Amino acid sequence: MSKIYNYCAFYVAEPFNESSLGAHATKDFCYYGMLKAWKGLDSAFPFNNSHDTTYNVRDSSDWELTLKPRLRERLKNSDNIVFFLSDSTISSKALVEEIDYGLNTLGLPVIVIYPDLKTKDELLTESKIGFNNKVKALWDKLSIFKNSKSKVPILHVPMNKELIKNALQNSDFRKGSNKKASDYHY
């Protein structure tokens, strides 16, 4: 069986910070770092970073000539998108491109991780029938996601290591799964 690659999408401030911290100073980037750390501590953790499938680029690289083509190449190498959507997320050129190209062109399933929510119950209304207003307000932060998410299967999970592990192992949320386009949750 070939390796399953996960593309991580997260907000990074623009213009990119040229300081020594760069993207590391952005809260959403830190959640991506946590996934990498979990993988580093446990090689069996089911996260395989598609960012590692191409060479690294500098944040100061030209958007059209270098950054955008690299994002697209990494997305093409991916089986799904892991999207960190938090109170800190802001619509940016890179994030819009990742979500637009990943969902609307490649049809990649998405696992949305909500770092500000820690339990399944925090995603849902009191009746547990649908997503609550807090989650829906987060969708409004990135209109391309809100307007495109009906085209692919979307799995919504809180920032919980075991639930994230289960989501990453769920073959229904991988390219070619034929899972019905809709919103799902754990």
N, C-alpha and C. Protein backbone atom coordinates (compact mmCIF):
# COMPACT_ATOMS: atom_id res chain seq x y z
N MET A 1 0.85 -1.19 0.00
CA MET A 1 0.00 0.00 0.00
C MET A 1 0.88 1.25 0.00
N SER A 2 0.54 2.20 -0.84
CA SER A 2 1.34 3.41 -0.91
C SER A 2 1.01 4.34 0.26
N LYS A 3 1.92 5.23 0.54
CA LYS A 3 1.77 6.16 1.64
C LYS A 3 0.65 7.15 1.35
N ILE A 4 -0.15 7.45 2.36
CA ILE A 4 -1.22 8.45 2.27
C ILE A 4 -0.64 9.80 2.70
N TYR A 5 -0.74 10.80 1.81
CA TYR A 5 -0.20 12.12 2.13
C TYR A 5 -1.30 13.10 2.48
N ASN A 6 -1.03 13.90 3.52
CA ASN A 6 -1.97 14.90 4.02
C ASN A 6 -1.39 16.29 3.76
N TYR A 7 -2.18 17.13 3.11
CA TYR A 7 -1.78 18.51 2.87
C TYR A 7 -2.36 19.38 3.99
N CYS A 8 -1.52 20.09 4.70
CA CYS A 8 -2.01 20.97 5.76
C CYS A 8 -2.18 22.39 5.25
N ALA A 9 -3.38 22.93 5.47
CA ALA A 9 -3.69 24.31 5.11
C ALA A 9 -3.95 25.08 6.40
N PHE A 10 -3.32 26.23 6.50
CA PHE A 10 -3.43 27.05 7.70
C PHE A 10 -3.09 28.48 7.34
N TYR A 11 -3.54 29.40 8.17
CA TYR A 11 -3.29 30.81 7.92
C TYR A 11 -1.86 31.17 8.32
N VAL A 12 -1.18 31.91 7.46
CA VAL A 12 0.10 32.55 7.75
C VAL A 12 -0.02 33.99 7.30
N ALA A 13 0.38 34.91 8.15
CA ALA A 13 0.25 36.34 7.87
C ALA A 13 0.93 36.73 6.57
N GLU A 14 0.31 37.65 5.85
CA GLU A 14 0.88 38.23 4.62
C GLU A 14 0.98 39.74 4.80
N PRO A 15 2.03 40.39 4.33
CA PRO A 15 3.14 39.72 3.68
C PRO A 15 3.89 38.87 4.69
N PHE A 16 4.55 37.85 4.20
CA PHE A 16 5.23 36.94 5.09
C PHE A 16 6.27 37.67 5.92
N ASN A 17 6.34 37.30 7.19
CA ASN A 17 7.25 37.94 8.12
C ASN A 17 8.68 37.48 7.83
N GLU A 18 9.56 38.42 7.61
CA GLU A 18 10.95 38.10 7.30
C GLU A 18 11.79 37.88 8.55
N SER A 19 11.19 37.96 9.74
CA SER A 19 11.97 37.76 10.96
C SER A 19 12.43 36.32 11.05
N SER A 20 13.28 36.05 12.02
CA SER A 20 13.79 34.69 12.17
C SER A 20 12.67 33.71 12.55
N LEU A 21 11.59 34.22 13.11
CA LEU A 21 10.48 33.34 13.46
C LEU A 21 9.60 33.03 12.24
N GLY A 22 9.45 34.00 11.35
CA GLY A 22 8.64 33.80 10.15
C GLY A 22 7.27 33.24 10.48
N ALA A 23 6.88 32.18 9.77
CA ALA A 23 5.56 31.57 9.94
C ALA A 23 5.38 31.00 11.34
N HIS A 24 6.47 30.67 12.02
CA HIS A 24 6.38 30.07 13.36
C HIS A 24 5.70 30.99 14.37
N ALA A 25 5.64 32.28 14.06
CA ALA A 25 4.99 33.23 14.95
C ALA A 25 3.49 33.27 14.76
N THR A 26 2.97 32.55 13.78
CA THR A 26 1.54 32.53 13.51
C THR A 26 0.90 31.34 14.23
N LYS A 27 -0.16 31.63 14.97
CA LYS A 27 -0.80 30.61 15.81
C LYS A 27 -1.22 29.36 15.02
N ASP A 28 -1.86 29.54 13.85
CA ASP A 28 -2.32 28.38 13.08
C ASP A 28 -1.15 27.51 12.63
N PHE A 29 -0.01 28.13 12.34
CA PHE A 29 1.18 27.37 11.95
C PHE A 29 1.65 26.48 13.09
N CYS A 30 1.47 26.93 14.32
CA CYS A 30 1.88 26.14 15.49
C CYS A 30 1.07 24.84 15.60
N TYR A 31 -0.19 24.87 15.19
CA TYR A 31 -1.00 23.64 15.22
C TYR A 31 -0.48 22.62 14.21
N TYR A 32 -0.07 23.11 13.06
CA TYR A 32 0.59 22.26 12.06
C TYR A 32 1.85 21.65 12.66
N GLY A 33 2.61 22.46 13.38
CA GLY A 33 3.80 21.96 14.06
C GLY A 33 3.49 20.87 15.07
N MET A 34 2.33 20.97 15.71
CA MET A 34 1.93 19.94 16.67
C MET A 34 1.70 18.60 15.97
N LEU A 35 1.06 18.62 14.80
CA LEU A 35 0.88 17.37 14.05
C LEU A 35 2.23 16.75 13.72
N LYS A 36 3.16 17.57 13.29
CA LYS A 36 4.49 17.07 12.96
C LYS A 36 5.19 16.51 14.20
N ALA A 37 4.99 17.15 15.34
CA ALA A 37 5.58 16.67 16.58
C ALA A 37 4.98 15.33 17.00
N TRP A 38 3.66 15.18 16.87
CA TRP A 38 3.03 13.89 17.19
C TRP A 38 3.61 12.79 16.33
N LYS A 39 3.82 13.08 15.05
CA LYS A 39 4.42 12.11 14.13
C LYS A 39 5.87 11.82 14.54
N GLY A 40 6.59 12.85 14.95
CA GLY A 40 7.97 12.67 15.38
C GLY A 40 8.10 11.81 16.62
N LEU A 41 7.13 11.92 17.52
CA LEU A 41 7.14 11.12 18.75
C LEU A 41 6.65 9.70 18.53
N ASP A 42 5.82 9.51 17.50
CA ASP A 42 5.23 8.20 17.24
C ASP A 42 5.15 7.99 15.73
N SER A 43 6.07 7.21 15.20
CA SER A 43 6.11 7.02 13.74
C SER A 43 4.84 6.37 13.20
N ALA A 44 4.06 5.72 14.08
CA ALA A 44 2.80 5.10 13.65
C ALA A 44 1.65 6.11 13.57
N PHE A 45 1.86 7.34 14.08
CA PHE A 45 0.81 8.35 13.98
C PHE A 45 0.55 8.60 12.50
N PRO A 46 -0.71 8.55 12.05
CA PRO A 46 -1.04 8.50 10.62
C PRO A 46 -0.99 9.83 9.86
N PHE A 47 0.00 10.64 10.14
CA PHE A 47 0.17 11.90 9.43
C PHE A 47 1.41 11.82 8.56
N ASN A 48 1.22 12.01 7.26
CA ASN A 48 2.33 12.05 6.31
C ASN A 48 2.25 13.38 5.57
N ASN A 49 3.18 14.22 5.83
CA ASN A 49 3.18 15.61 5.42
C ASN A 49 3.49 15.77 3.93
N SER A 50 2.52 16.17 3.14
CA SER A 50 2.77 16.35 1.71
C SER A 50 3.69 17.54 1.43
N HIS A 51 3.88 18.40 2.43
CA HIS A 51 4.84 19.49 2.26
C HIS A 51 6.26 18.93 2.07
N ASP A 52 6.47 17.70 2.54
CA ASP A 52 7.78 17.06 2.39
C ASP A 52 7.98 16.42 1.02
N THR A 53 6.96 16.46 0.15
CA THR A 53 7.08 15.82 -1.17
C THR A 53 7.75 16.71 -2.21
N THR A 54 7.99 17.98 -1.86
CA THR A 54 8.70 18.89 -2.75
C THR A 54 9.73 19.64 -1.93
N TYR A 55 10.63 20.32 -2.59
CA TYR A 55 11.65 21.07 -1.86
C TYR A 55 11.03 22.30 -1.22
N ASN A 56 11.66 22.75 -0.17
CA ASN A 56 11.19 23.92 0.56
C ASN A 56 11.42 25.19 -0.26
N VAL A 57 10.58 26.18 -0.02
CA VAL A 57 10.74 27.48 -0.65
C VAL A 57 10.80 28.54 0.45
N ARG A 58 11.40 29.64 0.11
CA ARG A 58 11.45 30.76 1.06
C ARG A 58 10.12 31.50 1.03
N ASP A 59 9.73 32.02 2.18
CA ASP A 59 8.49 32.78 2.25
C ASP A 59 8.55 34.02 1.37
N SER A 60 9.76 34.50 1.06
CA SER A 60 9.90 35.70 0.24
C SER A 60 9.93 35.37 -1.26
N SER A 61 9.76 34.10 -1.63
CA SER A 61 9.77 33.71 -3.04
C SER A 61 8.61 34.36 -3.79
N ASP A 62 8.77 34.48 -5.10
CA ASP A 62 7.74 35.05 -5.95
C ASP A 62 6.48 34.18 -5.93
N TRP A 63 5.32 34.82 -5.75
CA TRP A 63 4.05 34.09 -5.64
C TRP A 63 3.75 33.28 -6.89
N GLU A 64 3.70 33.93 -8.03
CA GLU A 64 3.29 33.27 -9.28
C GLU A 64 4.33 32.28 -9.80
N LEU A 65 5.60 32.61 -9.65
CA LEU A 65 6.65 31.76 -10.22
C LEU A 65 7.06 30.59 -9.32
N THR A 66 6.94 30.76 -8.01
CA THR A 66 7.46 29.73 -7.10
C THR A 66 6.41 29.22 -6.10
N LEU A 67 5.85 30.11 -5.31
CA LEU A 67 4.98 29.67 -4.21
C LEU A 67 3.71 28.97 -4.70
N LYS A 68 2.96 29.61 -5.59
CA LYS A 68 1.70 29.04 -6.08
C LYS A 68 1.93 27.69 -6.78
N PRO A 69 2.91 27.57 -7.69
CA PRO A 69 3.16 26.26 -8.30
C PRO A 69 3.56 25.18 -7.28
N ARG A 70 4.29 25.57 -6.24
CA ARG A 70 4.70 24.59 -5.23
C ARG A 70 3.49 24.13 -4.41
N LEU A 71 2.62 25.07 -4.05
CA LEU A 71 1.39 24.69 -3.33
C LEU A 71 0.58 23.69 -4.17
N ARG A 72 0.43 24.00 -5.45
CA ARG A 72 -0.36 23.12 -6.33
C ARG A 72 0.29 21.75 -6.48
N GLU A 73 1.60 21.71 -6.59
CA GLU A 73 2.28 20.42 -6.71
C GLU A 73 2.08 19.58 -5.45
N ARG A 74 2.20 20.20 -4.31
CA ARG A 74 1.99 19.49 -3.04
C ARG A 74 0.55 19.01 -2.92
N LEU A 75 -0.40 19.83 -3.33
CA LEU A 75 -1.80 19.42 -3.29
C LEU A 75 -2.05 18.23 -4.22
N LYS A 76 -1.43 18.24 -5.40
CA LYS A 76 -1.58 17.11 -6.33
C LYS A 76 -1.01 15.83 -5.75
N ASN A 77 -0.03 15.94 -4.88
CA ASN A 77 0.59 14.78 -4.24
C ASN A 77 -0.20 14.29 -3.02
N SER A 78 -1.30 14.96 -2.72
CA SER A 78 -2.03 14.72 -1.47
C SER A 78 -3.28 13.88 -1.65
N ASP A 79 -3.67 13.23 -0.56
CA ASP A 79 -4.89 12.41 -0.54
C ASP A 79 -6.04 13.14 0.15
N ASN A 80 -5.71 14.19 0.91
CA ASN A 80 -6.73 15.01 1.55
C ASN A 80 -6.08 16.31 2.02
N ILE A 81 -6.92 17.18 2.52
CA ILE A 81 -6.45 18.43 3.11
C ILE A 81 -6.81 18.41 4.59
N VAL A 82 -5.84 18.73 5.42
CA VAL A 82 -6.07 18.95 6.85
C VAL A 82 -6.05 20.46 7.01
N PHE A 83 -7.20 21.03 7.35
CA PHE A 83 -7.37 22.48 7.41
C PHE A 83 -7.57 22.91 8.85
N PHE A 84 -6.64 23.73 9.36
CA PHE A 84 -6.77 24.29 10.70
C PHE A 84 -7.58 25.57 10.61
N LEU A 85 -8.75 25.57 11.26
CA LEU A 85 -9.65 26.72 11.23
C LEU A 85 -9.89 27.18 12.67
N SER A 86 -9.30 28.33 12.99
CA SER A 86 -9.33 28.81 14.38
C SER A 86 -9.82 30.24 14.46
N ASP A 87 -9.91 30.73 15.69
CA ASP A 87 -10.26 32.13 15.90
C ASP A 87 -9.22 33.05 15.26
N SER A 88 -7.99 32.57 15.07
CA SER A 88 -6.91 33.37 14.50
C SER A 88 -6.86 33.33 12.98
N THR A 89 -7.62 32.44 12.36
CA THR A 89 -7.57 32.29 10.91
C THR A 89 -8.11 33.53 10.22
N ILE A 90 -7.37 33.97 9.20
CA ILE A 90 -7.77 35.11 8.37
C ILE A 90 -7.61 34.67 6.92
N SER A 91 -8.50 35.12 6.07
CA SER A 91 -8.39 34.80 4.65
C SER A 91 -7.11 35.42 4.09
N SER A 92 -6.30 34.62 3.43
CA SER A 92 -5.06 35.10 2.83
C SER A 92 -4.96 34.54 1.41
N LYS A 93 -4.09 35.11 0.62
CA LYS A 93 -3.92 34.67 -0.77
C LYS A 93 -3.56 33.18 -0.82
N ALA A 94 -2.62 32.76 -0.01
CA ALA A 94 -2.18 31.36 -0.03
C ALA A 94 -3.30 30.42 0.44
N LEU A 95 -3.98 30.78 1.52
CA LEU A 95 -5.03 29.92 2.05
C LEU A 95 -6.19 29.81 1.07
N VAL A 96 -6.57 30.90 0.45
CA VAL A 96 -7.64 30.87 -0.55
C VAL A 96 -7.22 29.96 -1.71
N GLU A 97 -5.99 30.08 -2.17
CA GLU A 97 -5.50 29.24 -3.27
C GLU A 97 -5.51 27.76 -2.89
N GLU A 98 -5.05 27.45 -1.70
CA GLU A 98 -5.01 26.05 -1.24
C GLU A 98 -6.41 25.44 -1.21
N ILE A 99 -7.35 26.15 -0.62
CA ILE A 99 -8.71 25.63 -0.50
C ILE A 99 -9.40 25.60 -1.86
N ASP A 100 -9.27 26.67 -2.64
CA ASP A 100 -9.91 26.72 -3.95
C ASP A 100 -9.38 25.61 -4.86
N TYR A 101 -8.10 25.51 -5.00
CA TYR A 101 -7.50 24.51 -5.89
C TYR A 101 -7.75 23.08 -5.36
N GLY A 102 -7.60 22.91 -4.06
CA GLY A 102 -7.78 21.58 -3.47
C GLY A 102 -9.20 21.05 -3.57
N LEU A 103 -10.19 21.91 -3.31
CA LEU A 103 -11.58 21.47 -3.35
C LEU A 103 -12.18 21.55 -4.75
N ASN A 104 -12.03 22.71 -5.39
CA ASN A 104 -12.73 22.95 -6.64
C ASN A 104 -12.05 22.36 -7.87
N THR A 105 -10.74 22.19 -7.83
CA THR A 105 -10.04 21.61 -8.97
C THR A 105 -9.72 20.13 -8.75
N LEU A 106 -9.16 19.81 -7.58
CA LEU A 106 -8.74 18.43 -7.32
C LEU A 106 -9.80 17.58 -6.63
N GLY A 107 -10.79 18.21 -6.01
CA GLY A 107 -11.84 17.47 -5.31
C GLY A 107 -11.36 16.71 -4.10
N LEU A 108 -10.37 17.25 -3.39
CA LEU A 108 -9.81 16.57 -2.23
C LEU A 108 -10.75 16.66 -1.02
N PRO A 109 -10.97 15.56 -0.33
CA PRO A 109 -11.72 15.61 0.93
C PRO A 109 -10.95 16.45 1.95
N VAL A 110 -11.68 17.00 2.92
CA VAL A 110 -11.07 17.88 3.91
C VAL A 110 -11.37 17.37 5.32
N ILE A 111 -10.34 17.39 6.14
CA ILE A 111 -10.49 17.18 7.58
C ILE A 111 -10.25 18.54 8.22
N VAL A 112 -11.30 19.14 8.76
CA VAL A 112 -11.18 20.46 9.39
C VAL A 112 -10.93 20.24 10.88
N ILE A 113 -9.84 20.78 11.36
CA ILE A 113 -9.52 20.72 12.79
C ILE A 113 -9.75 22.10 13.38
N TYR A 114 -10.52 22.13 14.47
CA TYR A 114 -10.85 23.38 15.15
C TYR A 114 -10.03 23.47 16.43
N PRO A 115 -8.87 24.13 16.40
CA PRO A 115 -7.99 24.18 17.56
C PRO A 115 -8.60 24.82 18.80
N ASP A 116 -9.57 25.71 18.62
CA ASP A 116 -10.17 26.39 19.76
C ASP A 116 -11.27 25.55 20.42
N LEU A 117 -11.59 24.41 19.83
CA LEU A 117 -12.62 23.52 20.36
C LEU A 117 -11.96 22.21 20.77
N LYS A 118 -12.26 21.71 21.95
CA LYS A 118 -11.55 20.55 22.48
C LYS A 118 -12.37 19.27 22.50
N THR A 119 -13.71 19.38 22.40
CA THR A 119 -14.55 18.20 22.46
C THR A 119 -15.52 18.18 21.28
N LYS A 120 -16.05 17.00 20.99
CA LYS A 120 -17.05 16.86 19.92
C LYS A 120 -18.26 17.73 20.20
N ASP A 121 -18.68 17.77 21.45
CA ASP A 121 -19.87 18.53 21.81
C ASP A 121 -19.73 20.02 21.49
N GLU A 122 -18.51 20.54 21.50
CA GLU A 122 -18.30 21.96 21.22
C GLU A 122 -18.54 22.31 19.75
N LEU A 123 -18.63 21.29 18.88
CA LEU A 123 -18.90 21.52 17.46
C LEU A 123 -20.40 21.67 17.17
N LEU A 124 -21.22 21.09 18.03
CA LEU A 124 -22.63 20.88 17.70
C LEU A 124 -23.58 21.77 18.50
N THR A 125 -24.80 21.87 17.99
CA THR A 125 -25.85 22.56 18.72
C THR A 125 -26.21 21.73 19.96
N GLU A 126 -26.98 22.31 20.84
CA GLU A 126 -27.38 21.59 22.06
C GLU A 126 -28.15 20.32 21.73
N SER A 127 -28.92 20.33 20.66
CA SER A 127 -29.71 19.15 20.26
C SER A 127 -28.86 18.11 19.53
N LYS A 128 -27.60 18.45 19.24
CA LYS A 128 -26.65 17.55 18.55
C LYS A 128 -27.05 17.25 17.11
N ILE A 129 -27.94 18.07 16.54
CA ILE A 129 -28.44 17.82 15.19
C ILE A 129 -27.54 18.47 14.13
N GLY A 130 -26.97 19.63 14.42
CA GLY A 130 -26.15 20.32 13.43
C GLY A 130 -25.01 21.06 14.09
N PHE A 131 -24.26 21.77 13.27
CA PHE A 131 -23.13 22.53 13.78
C PHE A 131 -23.61 23.82 14.42
N ASN A 132 -22.96 24.21 15.50
CA ASN A 132 -23.39 25.39 16.24
C ASN A 132 -22.90 26.68 15.57
N ASN A 133 -23.35 27.81 16.10
CA ASN A 133 -23.04 29.11 15.51
C ASN A 133 -21.56 29.45 15.60
N LYS A 134 -20.86 28.96 16.61
CA LYS A 134 -19.41 29.19 16.73
C LYS A 134 -18.69 28.59 15.52
N VAL A 135 -19.03 27.35 15.16
CA VAL A 135 -18.41 26.68 14.02
C VAL A 135 -18.79 27.39 12.72
N LYS A 136 -20.06 27.72 12.58
CA LYS A 136 -20.51 28.41 11.36
C LYS A 136 -19.85 29.77 11.20
N ALA A 137 -19.60 30.46 12.31
CA ALA A 137 -18.90 31.75 12.24
C ALA A 137 -17.46 31.56 11.77
N LEU A 138 -16.86 30.46 12.14
CA LEU A 138 -15.50 30.17 11.66
C LEU A 138 -15.51 29.93 10.15
N TRP A 139 -16.53 29.26 9.64
CA TRP A 139 -16.64 29.05 8.19
C TRP A 139 -16.68 30.39 7.45
N ASP A 140 -17.34 31.38 8.07
CA ASP A 140 -17.46 32.70 7.45
C ASP A 140 -16.11 33.40 7.29
N LYS A 141 -15.10 32.98 8.04
CA LYS A 141 -13.78 33.59 7.96
C LYS A 141 -13.11 33.36 6.61
N LEU A 142 -13.51 32.29 5.93
CA LEU A 142 -12.91 31.95 4.64
C LEU A 142 -14.03 31.58 3.68
N SER A 143 -14.51 32.57 2.94
CA SER A 143 -15.69 32.37 2.10
C SER A 143 -15.47 31.29 1.04
N ILE A 144 -14.26 31.12 0.53
CA ILE A 144 -14.02 30.08 -0.47
C ILE A 144 -14.28 28.69 0.13
N PHE A 145 -13.96 28.52 1.40
CA PHE A 145 -14.25 27.26 2.07
C PHE A 145 -15.75 27.10 2.26
N LYS A 146 -16.39 28.12 2.80
CA LYS A 146 -17.83 28.06 3.04
C LYS A 146 -18.61 27.79 1.75
N ASN A 147 -18.19 28.41 0.66
CA ASN A 147 -18.91 28.28 -0.61
C ASN A 147 -18.54 27.03 -1.40
N SER A 148 -17.45 26.37 -1.07
CA SER A 148 -17.00 25.20 -1.82
C SER A 148 -17.14 23.89 -1.07
N LYS A 149 -17.39 23.94 0.22
CA LYS A 149 -17.37 22.72 1.02
C LYS A 149 -18.47 21.72 0.68
N SER A 150 -19.48 22.16 -0.02
CA SER A 150 -20.55 21.23 -0.42
C SER A 150 -20.12 20.31 -1.57
N LYS A 151 -18.95 20.54 -2.13
CA LYS A 151 -18.48 19.77 -3.28
C LYS A 151 -17.67 18.53 -2.92
N VAL A 152 -17.23 18.43 -1.66
CA VAL A 152 -16.38 17.31 -1.23
C VAL A 152 -16.80 16.86 0.17
N PRO A 153 -16.43 15.65 0.56
CA PRO A 153 -16.69 15.25 1.95
C PRO A 153 -15.80 16.04 2.91
N ILE A 154 -16.41 16.55 3.97
CA ILE A 154 -15.72 17.35 4.97
C ILE A 154 -15.94 16.71 6.34
N LEU A 155 -14.86 16.38 7.02
CA LEU A 155 -14.94 15.82 8.37
C LEU A 155 -14.47 16.90 9.35
N HIS A 156 -15.32 17.25 10.31
CA HIS A 156 -15.04 18.29 11.28
C HIS A 156 -14.66 17.63 12.60
N VAL A 157 -13.49 18.03 13.15
CA VAL A 157 -13.03 17.45 14.42
C VAL A 157 -12.45 18.55 15.32
N PRO A 158 -12.64 18.39 16.63
CA PRO A 158 -12.02 19.33 17.56
C PRO A 158 -10.53 18.99 17.71
N MET A 159 -9.81 19.84 18.41
CA MET A 159 -8.38 19.63 18.64
C MET A 159 -8.21 18.57 19.74
N ASN A 160 -8.30 17.33 19.30
CA ASN A 160 -8.21 16.18 20.19
C ASN A 160 -7.37 15.13 19.45
N LYS A 161 -6.24 14.77 20.03
CA LYS A 161 -5.28 13.90 19.34
C LYS A 161 -5.90 12.59 18.87
N GLU A 162 -6.68 11.95 19.70
CA GLU A 162 -7.28 10.65 19.32
C GLU A 162 -8.30 10.81 18.19
N LEU A 163 -9.10 11.86 18.25
CA LEU A 163 -10.07 12.09 17.18
C LEU A 163 -9.37 12.46 15.87
N ILE A 164 -8.30 13.23 15.97
CA ILE A 164 -7.52 13.56 14.78
C ILE A 164 -6.89 12.31 14.20
N LYS A 165 -6.36 11.46 15.05
CA LYS A 165 -5.77 10.19 14.60
C LYS A 165 -6.82 9.35 13.87
N ASN A 166 -8.01 9.25 14.45
CA ASN A 166 -9.10 8.50 13.81
C ASN A 166 -9.47 9.10 12.46
N ALA A 167 -9.51 10.43 12.41
CA ALA A 167 -9.86 11.12 11.16
C ALA A 167 -8.82 10.82 10.08
N LEU A 168 -7.55 10.88 10.44
CA LEU A 168 -6.48 10.64 9.47
C LEU A 168 -6.49 9.19 8.98
N GLN A 169 -6.97 8.27 9.81
CA GLN A 169 -7.03 6.85 9.43
C GLN A 169 -8.29 6.50 8.64
N ASN A 170 -9.25 7.42 8.61
CA ASN A 170 -10.54 7.14 7.99
C ASN A 170 -10.42 7.24 6.46
N SER A 171 -10.50 6.11 5.79
CA SER A 171 -10.32 6.07 4.33
C SER A 171 -11.45 6.76 3.57
N ASP A 172 -12.56 7.07 4.23
CA ASP A 172 -13.65 7.81 3.58
C ASP A 172 -13.26 9.25 3.27
N PHE A 173 -12.21 9.73 3.92
CA PHE A 173 -11.80 11.12 3.74
C PHE A 173 -10.43 11.19 3.07
N ARG A 174 -10.35 10.42 1.98
CA ARG A 174 -9.16 10.39 1.13
C ARG A 174 -9.59 10.46 -0.32
N LYS A 175 -8.71 10.95 -1.16
CA LYS A 175 -8.95 11.05 -2.60
C LYS A 175 -9.41 9.69 -3.13
N GLY A 176 -10.47 9.71 -3.95
CA GLY A 176 -10.96 8.49 -4.58
C GLY A 176 -11.85 7.62 -3.71
N SER A 177 -12.27 8.13 -2.57
CA SER A 177 -13.09 7.31 -1.65
C SER A 177 -14.55 7.19 -2.10
N ASN A 178 -15.01 8.10 -2.92
CA ASN A 178 -16.41 8.15 -3.36
C ASN A 178 -17.39 8.42 -2.22
N LYS A 179 -16.90 8.95 -1.11
CA LYS A 179 -17.77 9.37 -0.01
C LYS A 179 -18.61 10.55 -0.50
N LYS A 180 -19.89 10.54 -0.14
CA LYS A 180 -20.81 11.60 -0.56
C LYS A 180 -20.33 12.95 -0.02
N ALA A 181 -20.36 13.96 -0.88
CA ALA A 181 -20.00 15.31 -0.48
C ALA A 181 -21.01 15.81 0.55
N SER A 182 -20.53 16.08 1.75
CA SER A 182 -21.39 16.54 2.83
C SER A 182 -20.51 16.88 4.03
N ASP A 183 -21.13 17.37 5.09
CA ASP A 183 -20.44 17.64 6.35
C ASP A 183 -20.62 16.46 7.29
N TYR A 184 -19.53 16.02 7.90
CA TYR A 184 -19.53 14.92 8.86
C TYR A 184 -18.78 15.38 10.10
N HIS A 185 -18.98 14.68 11.20
CA HIS A 185 -18.24 15.01 12.43
C HIS A 185 -18.03 13.76 13.25
N TYR A 186 -17.05 13.83 14.11
CA TYR A 186 -16.81 12.77 15.11
C TYR A 186 -17.32 13.30 16.43
